[in-house]
Amino acid sequence: MRKLAEQLKKIDIELPKWTREVLFEHLVEVCKDIKQHGEFKRA
């Protein structure tokens, strides 16, 4: 996850603010999905 954040920081400079916010929202959703998916696998 940290590597992804580092990559986003590099891209960050080139992105307008709204794009960054949309990307961040999407990342949060994806992370939630991955977490839930992981919990399903364990169950």
PDB file of N, CA and C in Angstrom:
ATOM      1  N   MET A   1       0.836  -1.197   0.000  1.00  0.00           N
ATOM      2  CA  MET A   1       0.000   0.000   0.000  1.00  0.00           C
ATOM      3  C   MET A   1       0.873   1.250   0.000  1.00  0.00           C
ATOM      4  N   ARG A   2       1.983   1.183   0.710  1.00  0.00           N
ATOM      5  CA  ARG A   2       2.874   2.341   0.783  1.00  0.00           C
ATOM      6  C   ARG A   2       3.478   2.641  -0.585  1.00  0.00           C
ATOM      7  N   LYS A   3       3.850   1.587  -1.317  1.00  0.00           N
ATOM      8  CA  LYS A   3       4.414   1.779  -2.656  1.00  0.00           C
ATOM      9  C   LYS A   3       3.416   2.497  -3.547  1.00  0.00           C
ATOM     10  N   LEU A   4       2.164   2.092  -3.452  1.00  0.00           N
ATOM     11  CA  LEU A   4       1.108   2.709  -4.242  1.00  0.00           C
ATOM     12  C   LEU A   4       1.002   4.190  -3.910  1.00  0.00           C
ATOM     13  N   ALA A   5       1.068   4.500  -2.632  1.00  0.00           N
ATOM     14  CA  ALA A   5       1.006   5.894  -2.195  1.00  0.00           C
ATOM     15  C   ALA A   5       2.180   6.687  -2.760  1.00  0.00           C
ATOM     16  N   GLU A   6       3.356   6.085  -2.767  1.00  0.00           N
ATOM     17  CA  GLU A   6       4.543   6.752  -3.320  1.00  0.00           C
ATOM     18  C   GLU A   6       4.350   7.028  -4.810  1.00  0.00           C
ATOM     19  N   GLN A   7       3.811   6.058  -5.533  1.00  0.00           N
ATOM     20  CA  GLN A   7       3.565   6.230  -6.964  1.00  0.00           C
ATOM     21  C   GLN A   7       2.548   7.339  -7.191  1.00  0.00           C
ATOM     22  N   LEU A   8       1.514   7.371  -6.370  1.00  0.00           N
ATOM     23  CA  LEU A   8       0.489   8.395  -6.510  1.00  0.00           C
ATOM     24  C   LEU A   8       1.057   9.785  -6.252  1.00  0.00           C
ATOM     25  N   LYS A   9       1.998   9.890  -5.323  1.00  0.00           N
ATOM     26  CA  LYS A   9       2.624  11.183  -5.044  1.00  0.00           C
ATOM     27  C   LYS A   9       3.321  11.715  -6.282  1.00  0.00           C
ATOM     28  N   LYS A  10       3.968  10.832  -7.034  1.00  0.00           N
ATOM     29  CA  LYS A  10       4.672  11.239  -8.252  1.00  0.00           C
ATOM     30  C   LYS A  10       3.677  11.738  -9.295  1.00  0.00           C
ATOM     31  N   ILE A  11       2.577  11.020  -9.442  1.00  0.00           N
ATOM     32  CA  ILE A  11       1.543  11.387 -10.410  1.00  0.00           C
ATOM     33  C   ILE A  11       0.826  12.652  -9.935  1.00  0.00           C
ATOM     34  N   ASP A  12       0.708  12.747  -8.622  1.00  0.00           N
ATOM     35  CA  ASP A  12      -0.028  13.795  -7.933  1.00  0.00           C
ATOM     36  C   ASP A  12       0.213  15.186  -8.502  1.00  0.00           C
ATOM     37  N   ILE A  13       1.464  15.497  -8.784  1.00  0.00           N
ATOM     38  CA  ILE A  13       1.853  16.825  -9.241  1.00  0.00           C
ATOM     39  C   ILE A  13       1.144  17.158 -10.553  1.00  0.00           C
ATOM     40  N   GLU A  14       0.955  16.142 -11.391  1.00  0.00           N
ATOM     41  CA  GLU A  14       0.407  16.377 -12.721  1.00  0.00           C
ATOM     42  C   GLU A  14      -1.124  16.389 -12.743  1.00  0.00           C
ATOM     43  N   LEU A  15      -1.723  15.956 -11.653  1.00  0.00           N
ATOM     44  CA  LEU A  15      -3.183  15.837 -11.635  1.00  0.00           C
ATOM     45  C   LEU A  15      -3.854  17.075 -11.075  1.00  0.00           C
ATOM     46  N   PRO A  16      -4.970  17.471 -11.682  1.00  0.00           N
ATOM     47  CA  PRO A  16      -5.790  18.519 -11.064  1.00  0.00           C
ATOM     48  C   PRO A  16      -6.406  17.989  -9.769  1.00  0.00           C
ATOM     49  N   LYS A  17      -6.807  18.903  -8.909  1.00  0.00           N
ATOM     50  CA  LYS A  17      -7.282  18.520  -7.576  1.00  0.00           C
ATOM     51  C   LYS A  17      -8.478  17.556  -7.644  1.00  0.00           C
ATOM     52  N   TRP A  18      -9.435  17.827  -8.511  1.00  0.00           N
ATOM     53  CA  TRP A  18     -10.634  16.979  -8.535  1.00  0.00           C
ATOM     54  C   TRP A  18     -10.285  15.552  -8.943  1.00  0.00           C
ATOM     55  N   THR A  19      -9.322  15.398  -9.849  1.00  0.00           N
ATOM     56  CA  THR A  19      -8.922  14.061 -10.283  1.00  0.00           C
ATOM     57  C   THR A  19      -8.325  13.301  -9.116  1.00  0.00           C
ATOM     58  N   ARG A  20      -7.501  14.000  -8.345  1.00  0.00           N
ATOM     59  CA  ARG A  20      -6.869  13.395  -7.177  1.00  0.00           C
ATOM     60  C   ARG A  20      -7.938  12.924  -6.197  1.00  0.00           C
ATOM     61  N   GLU A  21      -8.942  13.757  -5.973  1.00  0.00           N
ATOM     62  CA  GLU A  21     -10.001  13.404  -5.019  1.00  0.00           C
ATOM     63  C   GLU A  21     -10.790  12.198  -5.506  1.00  0.00           C
ATOM     64  N   VAL A  22     -11.088  12.178  -6.803  1.00  0.00           N
ATOM     65  CA  VAL A  22     -11.823  11.045  -7.375  1.00  0.00           C
ATOM     66  C   VAL A  22     -10.995   9.767  -7.245  1.00  0.00           C
ATOM     67  N   LEU A  23      -9.711   9.873  -7.571  1.00  0.00           N
ATOM     68  CA  LEU A  23      -8.811   8.721  -7.448  1.00  0.00           C
ATOM     69  C   LEU A  23      -8.760   8.224  -6.017  1.00  0.00           C
ATOM     70  N   PHE A  24      -8.661   9.154  -5.085  1.00  0.00           N
ATOM     71  CA  PHE A  24      -8.562   8.788  -3.674  1.00  0.00           C
ATOM     72  C   PHE A  24      -9.832   8.071  -3.226  1.00  0.00           C
ATOM     73  N   GLU A  25     -10.990   8.620  -3.606  1.00  0.00           N
ATOM     74  CA  GLU A  25     -12.268   7.977  -3.265  1.00  0.00           C
ATOM     75  C   GLU A  25     -12.280   6.546  -3.803  1.00  0.00           C
ATOM     76  N   HIS A  26     -11.838   6.394  -5.053  1.00  0.00           N
ATOM     77  CA  HIS A  26     -11.828   5.087  -5.696  1.00  0.00           C
ATOM     78  C   HIS A  26     -10.896   4.138  -4.945  1.00  0.00           C
ATOM     79  N   LEU A  27      -9.724   4.630  -4.574  1.00  0.00           N
ATOM     80  CA  LEU A  27      -8.758   3.816  -3.824  1.00  0.00           C
ATOM     81  C   LEU A  27      -9.353   3.337  -2.511  1.00  0.00           C
ATOM     82  N   VAL A  28     -10.048   4.225  -1.821  1.00  0.00           N
ATOM     83  CA  VAL A  28     -10.662   3.867  -0.535  1.00  0.00           C
ATOM     84  C   VAL A  28     -11.663   2.733  -0.751  1.00  0.00           C
ATOM     85  N   GLU A  29     -12.479   2.848  -1.789  1.00  0.00           N
ATOM     86  CA  GLU A  29     -13.457   1.801  -2.094  1.00  0.00           C
ATOM     87  C   GLU A  29     -12.761   0.483  -2.412  1.00  0.00           C
ATOM     88  N   VAL A  30     -11.725   0.545  -3.237  1.00  0.00           N
ATOM     89  CA  VAL A  30     -10.981  -0.660  -3.621  1.00  0.00           C
ATOM     90  C   VAL A  30     -10.383  -1.320  -2.386  1.00  0.00           C
ATOM     91  N   CYS A  31      -9.817  -0.510  -1.501  1.00  0.00           N
ATOM     92  CA  CYS A  31      -9.214  -1.049  -0.277  1.00  0.00           C
ATOM     93  C   CYS A  31     -10.268  -1.744   0.580  1.00  0.00           C
ATOM     94  N   LYS A  32     -11.449  -1.155   0.684  1.00  0.00           N
ATOM     95  CA  LYS A  32     -12.541  -1.772   1.445  1.00  0.00           C
ATOM     96  C   LYS A  32     -12.891  -3.123   0.832  1.00  0.00           C
ATOM     97  N   ASP A  33     -12.999  -3.151  -0.507  1.00  0.00           N
ATOM     98  CA  ASP A  33     -13.337  -4.392  -1.207  1.00  0.00           C
ATOM     99  C   ASP A  33     -12.286  -5.461  -0.949  1.00  0.00           C
ATOM    100  N   ILE A  34     -11.016  -5.075  -1.025  1.00  0.00           N
ATOM    101  CA  ILE A  34      -9.928  -6.030  -0.808  1.00  0.00           C
ATOM    102  C   ILE A  34      -9.988  -6.571   0.615  1.00  0.00           C
ATOM    103  N   LYS A  35     -10.240  -5.698   1.572  1.00  0.00           N
ATOM    104  CA  LYS A  35     -10.332  -6.115   2.975  1.00  0.00           C
ATOM    105  C   LYS A  35     -11.458  -7.131   3.144  1.00  0.00           C
ATOM    106  N   GLN A  36     -12.631  -6.821   2.592  1.00  0.00           N
ATOM    107  CA  GLN A  36     -13.777  -7.716   2.708  1.00  0.00           C
ATOM    108  C   GLN A  36     -13.470  -9.045   2.024  1.00  0.00           C
ATOM    109  N   HIS A  37     -12.833  -8.972   0.872  1.00  0.00           N
ATOM    110  CA  HIS A  37     -12.481 -10.170   0.117  1.00  0.00           C
ATOM    111  C   HIS A  37     -11.556 -11.048   0.956  1.00  0.00           C
ATOM    112  N   GLY A  38     -10.591 -10.427   1.603  1.00  0.00           N
ATOM    113  CA  GLY A  38      -9.662 -11.145   2.473  1.00  0.00           C
ATOM    114  C   GLY A  38     -10.391 -11.826   3.621  1.00  0.00           C
ATOM    115  N   GLU A  39     -11.389 -11.140   4.169  1.00  0.00           N
ATOM    116  CA  GLU A  39     -12.153 -11.706   5.279  1.00  0.00           C
ATOM    117  C   GLU A  39     -12.997 -12.884   4.802  1.00  0.00           C
ATOM    118  N   PHE A  40     -13.524 -12.796   3.589  1.00  0.00           N
ATOM    119  CA  PHE A  40     -14.293 -13.909   3.038  1.00  0.00           C
ATOM    120  C   PHE A  40     -13.399 -15.137   2.886  1.00  0.00           C
ATOM    121  N   LYS A  41     -12.178 -14.916   2.409  1.00  0.00           N
ATOM    122  CA  LYS A  41     -11.246 -16.032   2.209  1.00  0.00           C
ATOM    123  C   LYS A  41     -10.926 -16.721   3.528  1.00  0.00           C
ATOM    124  N   ARG A  42     -10.786 -15.938   4.587  1.00  0.00           N
ATOM    125  CA  ARG A  42     -10.447 -16.500   5.897  1.00  0.00           C
ATOM    126  C   ARG A  42     -11.618 -17.268   6.494  1.00  0.00           C
ATOM    127  N   ALA A  43     -12.826 -16.799   6.220  1.00  0.00           N
ATOM    128  CA  ALA A  43     -14.023 -17.387   6.838  1.00  0.00           C
ATOM    129  C   ALA A  43     -14.255 -18.829   6.385  1.00  0.00           C
TER     130      ALA A  43
END
